[in-house]
Every structure is written in structure tokens, then in C-alpha cells.
Amino acid sequence: MTMAFKMAITGMWVTEECKNSFMEMKWKKVHRYIVFKIDEGSKLLKVDKVGAPGEGYDDMAAALPQDDCRYALFDFDFVTLDNCRKSKIFFIAWSALANSISFYFNIN
């Protein structure tokens, strides 16, 4: 049985897999990116794809569909001017150009 957590206001539910994947990405660095999708029938946010630590931004971009919307997290590693290694997690809302305007207004 899948556990789900309700998000405030939206009526959407987040699965346990989403939460666990995020924690693994943040603390254990086992994923470079996570792509999420909304299951419209059950109103659940589910993990669509995860990227291995060796993958990059281009791999994540290739995993995004050309005809649907997705949400993604990307763990970006960089080195500062002071030669310190840093990491930032970016939230990305992907909206395909192929979607019609009515699609965006029908998600409640």
C-alpha cells in the first residue's frame, strides 16, 4: 500500500516514494535529478524518473516529455570563487509547448 501525504490547499497527495526520493537526493546524493508527474485520476504526485549521480542537466532535459507537464528537482554542484564545493537543489516546473491553454486551467 502506498502512503500519501496531502499538500495544503491544492488537494494533491504526495506519495511516500516522492518523499523518500527527495531525502535520498538531499542527504545521500544518490540521485542527480527527480522528475515528478501528476496522476490525474488519483490526484497523486508520483516519481516519473530519477537520474543517477553521474547524469547531468541535459539528461534531465531529455527525460522531460514534449507533450505533457512535469515537475523536477535538480541537484546542481558547483565550485565558488573561494574554491568551496557547493550544491543547490533547484525546483523546475516543466510545461510543454504542445499543451493547449485549457490544459493549464483544468488542473484543480
C-alpha atoms as a PDB file:
ATOM      1  CA  MET A   1       0.000   0.000   0.000  1.00  0.00           C
ATOM      2  CA  THR A   2       1.336   3.419  -0.929  1.00  0.00           C
ATOM      3  CA  MET A   3       1.386   6.077   1.745  1.00  0.00           C
ATOM      4  CA  ALA A   4       0.492   9.596   0.647  1.00  0.00           C
ATOM      5  CA  PHE A   5       0.714  12.999   2.270  1.00  0.00           C
ATOM      6  CA  LYS A   6      -1.799  15.706   1.446  1.00  0.00           C
ATOM      7  CA  MET A   7      -0.412  19.024   0.234  1.00  0.00           C
ATOM      8  CA  ALA A   8      -2.035  22.116   1.685  1.00  0.00           C
ATOM      9  CA  ILE A   9      -4.694  23.887  -0.389  1.00  0.00           C
ATOM     10  CA  THR A  10      -4.182  22.029  -3.694  1.00  0.00           C
ATOM     11  CA  GLY A  11      -5.959  18.785  -2.868  1.00  0.00           C
ATOM     12  CA  MET A  12      -2.982  16.888  -4.308  1.00  0.00           C
ATOM     13  CA  TRP A  13      -1.363  13.969  -2.490  1.00  0.00           C
ATOM     14  CA  VAL A  14       2.370  13.213  -2.421  1.00  0.00           C
ATOM     15  CA  THR A  15       3.406   9.564  -2.324  1.00  0.00           C
ATOM     16  CA  GLU A  16       5.921   8.126   0.123  1.00  0.00           C
ATOM     17  CA  GLU A  17       8.175   7.382  -2.871  1.00  0.00           C
ATOM     18  CA  CYS A  18       8.391  11.124  -3.628  1.00  0.00           C
ATOM     19  CA  LYS A  19       9.376  11.936  -0.069  1.00  0.00           C
ATOM     20  CA  ASN A  20      11.943   9.128   0.118  1.00  0.00           C
ATOM     21  CA  SER A  21      13.478  10.016  -3.255  1.00  0.00           C
ATOM     22  CA  PHE A  22      13.873  13.641  -2.193  1.00  0.00           C
ATOM     23  CA  MET A  23      15.519  12.657   1.106  1.00  0.00           C
ATOM     24  CA  GLU A  24      17.894  10.312  -0.737  1.00  0.00           C
ATOM     25  CA  MET A  25      18.765  13.121  -3.144  1.00  0.00           C
ATOM     26  CA  LYS A  26      19.280  15.706  -0.422  1.00  0.00           C
ATOM     27  CA  TRP A  27      21.145  13.670   2.199  1.00  0.00           C
ATOM     28  CA  LYS A  28      22.671  10.663   0.423  1.00  0.00           C
ATOM     29  CA  LYS A  29      23.300  12.219  -3.021  1.00  0.00           C
ATOM     30  CA  VAL A  30      22.120   9.061  -4.829  1.00  0.00           C
ATOM     31  CA  HIS A  31      20.080  10.978  -7.432  1.00  0.00           C
ATOM     32  CA  ARG A  32      21.123  13.896  -9.643  1.00  0.00           C
ATOM     33  CA  TYR A  33      17.531  14.695 -10.520  1.00  0.00           C
ATOM     34  CA  ILE A  34      13.969  13.556  -9.873  1.00  0.00           C
ATOM     35  CA  VAL A  35      11.117  14.071 -12.327  1.00  0.00           C
ATOM     36  CA  PHE A  36       7.598  14.021 -10.869  1.00  0.00           C
ATOM     37  CA  LYS A  37       4.259  13.655 -12.618  1.00  0.00           C
ATOM     38  CA  ILE A  38       0.666  14.127 -11.510  1.00  0.00           C
ATOM     39  CA  ASP A  39      -1.624  11.150 -11.845  1.00  0.00           C
ATOM     40  CA  GLU A  40      -4.806  12.991 -12.767  1.00  0.00           C
ATOM     41  CA  GLY A  41      -7.154  10.136 -11.855  1.00  0.00           C
ATOM     42  CA  SER A  42      -5.955   9.709  -8.288  1.00  0.00           C
ATOM     43  CA  LYS A  43      -4.592  13.262  -7.750  1.00  0.00           C
ATOM     44  CA  LEU A  44      -1.251  11.774  -6.643  1.00  0.00           C
ATOM     45  CA  LEU A  45       2.181  13.257  -7.265  1.00  0.00           C
ATOM     46  CA  LYS A  46       4.396  10.326  -8.306  1.00  0.00           C
ATOM     47  CA  VAL A  47       8.040   9.815  -9.236  1.00  0.00           C
ATOM     48  CA  ASP A  48       8.347   9.526 -13.019  1.00  0.00           C
ATOM     49  CA  LYS A  49      12.130   9.182 -13.377  1.00  0.00           C
ATOM     50  CA  VAL A  50      15.284   9.516 -11.292  1.00  0.00           C
ATOM     51  CA  GLY A  51      18.749  10.279 -12.570  1.00  0.00           C
ATOM     52  CA  ALA A  52      21.953   8.634 -11.385  1.00  0.00           C
ATOM     53  CA  PRO A  53      24.622  10.813  -9.721  1.00  0.00           C
ATOM     54  CA  GLY A  54      26.718  10.815 -12.908  1.00  0.00           C
ATOM     55  CA  GLU A  55      23.944  12.248 -15.078  1.00  0.00           C
ATOM     56  CA  GLY A  56      23.655  15.954 -15.870  1.00  0.00           C
ATOM     57  CA  TYR A  57      21.184  18.666 -16.758  1.00  0.00           C
ATOM     58  CA  ASP A  58      20.993  17.557 -20.397  1.00  0.00           C
ATOM     59  CA  ASP A  59      19.967  14.066 -19.282  1.00  0.00           C
ATOM     60  CA  MET A  60      17.196  15.540 -17.139  1.00  0.00           C
ATOM     61  CA  ALA A  61      16.015  17.759 -20.003  1.00  0.00           C
ATOM     62  CA  ALA A  62      15.882  14.709 -22.284  1.00  0.00           C
ATOM     63  CA  ALA A  63      13.714  12.899 -19.688  1.00  0.00           C
ATOM     64  CA  LEU A  64      11.039  15.622 -19.825  1.00  0.00           C
ATOM     65  CA  PRO A  65       8.176  14.858 -22.224  1.00  0.00           C
ATOM     66  CA  GLN A  66       7.404  17.119 -25.180  1.00  0.00           C
ATOM     67  CA  ASP A  67       3.647  16.774 -24.757  1.00  0.00           C
ATOM     68  CA  ASP A  68       2.952  16.908 -21.009  1.00  0.00           C
ATOM     69  CA  CYS A  69       3.759  18.828 -17.838  1.00  0.00           C
ATOM     70  CA  ARG A  70       6.172  17.665 -15.162  1.00  0.00           C
ATOM     71  CA  TYR A  71       7.872  18.905 -12.014  1.00  0.00           C
ATOM     72  CA  ALA A  72      11.543  18.237 -11.380  1.00  0.00           C
ATOM     73  CA  LEU A  73      14.263  18.681  -8.801  1.00  0.00           C
ATOM     74  CA  PHE A  74      17.860  19.057  -9.967  1.00  0.00           C
ATOM     75  CA  ASP A  75      20.886  18.867  -7.662  1.00  0.00           C
ATOM     76  CA  PHE A  76      23.426  21.317  -9.089  1.00  0.00           C
ATOM     77  CA  ASP A  77      27.043  21.037  -7.897  1.00  0.00           C
ATOM     78  CA  PHE A  78      29.402  23.965  -8.343  1.00  0.00           C
ATOM     79  CA  VAL A  79      32.642  25.494  -7.030  1.00  0.00           C
ATOM     80  CA  THR A  80      32.646  29.036  -5.630  1.00  0.00           C
ATOM     81  CA  LEU A  81      35.289  31.675  -6.313  1.00  0.00           C
ATOM     82  CA  ASP A  82      36.807  30.729  -2.932  1.00  0.00           C
ATOM     83  CA  ASN A  83      37.236  27.155  -4.245  1.00  0.00           C
ATOM     84  CA  CYS A  84      34.484  25.738  -1.997  1.00  0.00           C
ATOM     85  CA  ARG A  85      32.351  22.892  -3.340  1.00  0.00           C
ATOM     86  CA  LYS A  86      28.642  23.677  -3.026  1.00  0.00           C
ATOM     87  CA  SER A  87      25.376  22.103  -4.043  1.00  0.00           C
ATOM     88  CA  LYS A  88      21.946  23.654  -4.619  1.00  0.00           C
ATOM     89  CA  ILE A  89      18.668  21.902  -5.386  1.00  0.00           C
ATOM     90  CA  PHE A  90      16.519  23.647  -7.985  1.00  0.00           C
ATOM     91  CA  PHE A  91      12.770  23.166  -8.432  1.00  0.00           C
ATOM     92  CA  ILE A  92      11.657  23.167 -12.074  1.00  0.00           C
ATOM     93  CA  ALA A  93       8.086  23.405 -13.344  1.00  0.00           C
ATOM     94  CA  TRP A  94       8.105  21.976 -16.898  1.00  0.00           C
ATOM     95  CA  SER A  95       5.325  22.993 -19.228  1.00  0.00           C
ATOM     96  CA  ALA A  96       5.478  21.567 -22.732  1.00  0.00           C
ATOM     97  CA  LEU A  97       4.739  23.910 -25.615  1.00  0.00           C
ATOM     98  CA  ALA A  98       2.443  21.303 -27.154  1.00  0.00           C
ATOM     99  CA  ASN A  99      -0.130  21.692 -24.354  1.00  0.00           C
ATOM    100  CA  SER A 100      -3.172  23.810 -25.013  1.00  0.00           C
ATOM    101  CA  ILE A 101      -4.102  26.784 -22.844  1.00  0.00           C
ATOM    102  CA  SER A 102      -7.138  24.938 -21.485  1.00  0.00           C
ATOM    103  CA  PHE A 103      -4.847  22.219 -20.051  1.00  0.00           C
ATOM    104  CA  TYR A 104      -3.321  24.671 -17.595  1.00  0.00           C
ATOM    105  CA  PHE A 105      -6.671  25.840 -16.274  1.00  0.00           C
ATOM    106  CA  ASN A 106      -8.157  22.339 -15.881  1.00  0.00           C
ATOM    107  CA  ILE A 107      -5.764  21.206 -13.129  1.00  0.00           C
ATOM    108  CA  ASN A 108      -7.519  21.826  -9.836  1.00  0.00           C
END
